């Protein structure tokens, strides 16, 4: 699935952004928190989407079967 590869690349880029912010000693801690919060929120959504797509790839649906992905989630 191409979408899985794109999500993995996006997650890697978000990790690099977070690392860049953490290593910048010129940014005050509270500003680092403000900068990282939206990035970490995006990462959480992308991680869940990746898990869902991976589950569906490994467990393809049969015709007329409900998805059932919510049973897989924690």
Protein backbone atom coordinates (compact mmCIF):
# COMPACT_ATOMS: atom_id res chain seq x y z
CA UNK A 1 0.00 0.00 0.00
CA UNK A 2 1.38 3.36 -1.02
CA UNK A 3 -0.47 5.15 1.75
CA UNK A 4 1.41 3.17 4.41
CA UNK A 5 4.73 4.24 2.93
CA UNK A 6 3.63 7.89 2.82
CA UNK A 7 2.48 7.78 6.44
CA UNK A 8 5.76 6.19 7.55
CA UNK A 9 7.68 8.97 5.76
CA UNK A 10 5.49 11.64 7.37
CA UNK A 11 6.07 10.13 10.81
CA UNK A 12 9.83 10.17 10.23
CA UNK A 13 9.67 13.84 9.22
CA UNK A 14 7.64 14.70 12.33
CA UNK A 15 10.22 12.91 14.51
CA UNK A 16 12.96 14.99 12.87
CA UNK A 17 11.02 18.21 13.55
CA UNK A 18 10.56 17.29 17.22
CA UNK A 19 14.25 16.41 17.56
CA UNK A 20 15.24 19.72 15.94
CA UNK A 21 13.07 21.63 18.42
CA UNK A 22 14.39 19.69 21.40
CA UNK A 23 18.02 20.25 20.43
CA UNK A 24 17.61 24.01 19.89
CA UNK A 25 18.87 25.55 23.13
CA UNK A 26 17.72 29.01 22.03
CA UNK A 27 14.04 28.12 22.43
CA UNK A 28 12.57 28.45 25.96
CA UNK A 29 10.97 25.28 27.37
CA UNK A 30 7.41 26.61 27.36
CA UNK A 31 7.78 27.66 23.72
CA UNK A 32 9.14 24.19 22.87
CA UNK A 33 5.99 22.71 24.39
CA UNK A 34 3.82 25.03 22.30
CA UNK A 35 5.73 24.17 19.13
CA UNK A 36 5.70 20.43 19.73
CA UNK A 37 2.07 20.00 20.79
CA UNK A 38 0.54 20.22 17.28
CA UNK A 39 3.33 18.04 15.89
CA UNK A 40 2.73 15.36 18.51
CA UNK A 41 -1.02 15.51 17.90
CA UNK A 42 -0.43 14.95 14.18
CA UNK A 43 1.92 12.10 15.01
CA UNK A 44 -0.71 10.43 17.19
CA UNK A 45 -3.32 10.59 14.42
CA UNK A 46 -0.87 9.32 11.80
CA UNK A 47 0.28 6.49 14.08
CA UNK A 48 -3.31 5.34 14.64
CA UNK A 49 -4.01 5.56 10.90
CA UNK A 50 -0.88 3.52 10.18
CA UNK A 51 -1.95 0.88 12.68
CA UNK A 52 -5.43 0.74 11.14
CA UNK A 53 -4.12 0.44 7.58
CA UNK A 54 -1.59 -2.21 8.61
CA UNK A 55 -4.35 -4.19 10.33
CA UNK A 56 -6.56 -3.97 7.25
CA UNK A 57 -3.67 -4.98 4.99
CA UNK A 58 -2.96 -8.03 7.14
CA UNK A 59 -6.67 -8.86 7.60
CA UNK A 60 -8.43 -7.99 4.36
CA UNK A 61 -12.19 -7.63 4.44
CA UNK A 62 -14.46 -10.14 2.81
CA UNK A 63 -17.47 -8.83 0.88
CA UNK A 64 -20.37 -7.66 3.08
CA UNK A 65 -18.26 -7.89 6.25
CA UNK A 66 -18.20 -4.96 8.70
CA UNK A 67 -14.75 -3.49 9.20
CA UNK A 68 -14.33 -4.37 12.92
CA UNK A 69 -11.25 -2.14 13.28
CA UNK A 70 -12.58 -0.75 16.57
CA UNK A 71 -12.17 -4.22 18.12
CA UNK A 72 -8.47 -4.07 17.25
CA UNK A 73 -7.81 -0.69 18.87
CA UNK A 74 -6.79 -0.42 22.51
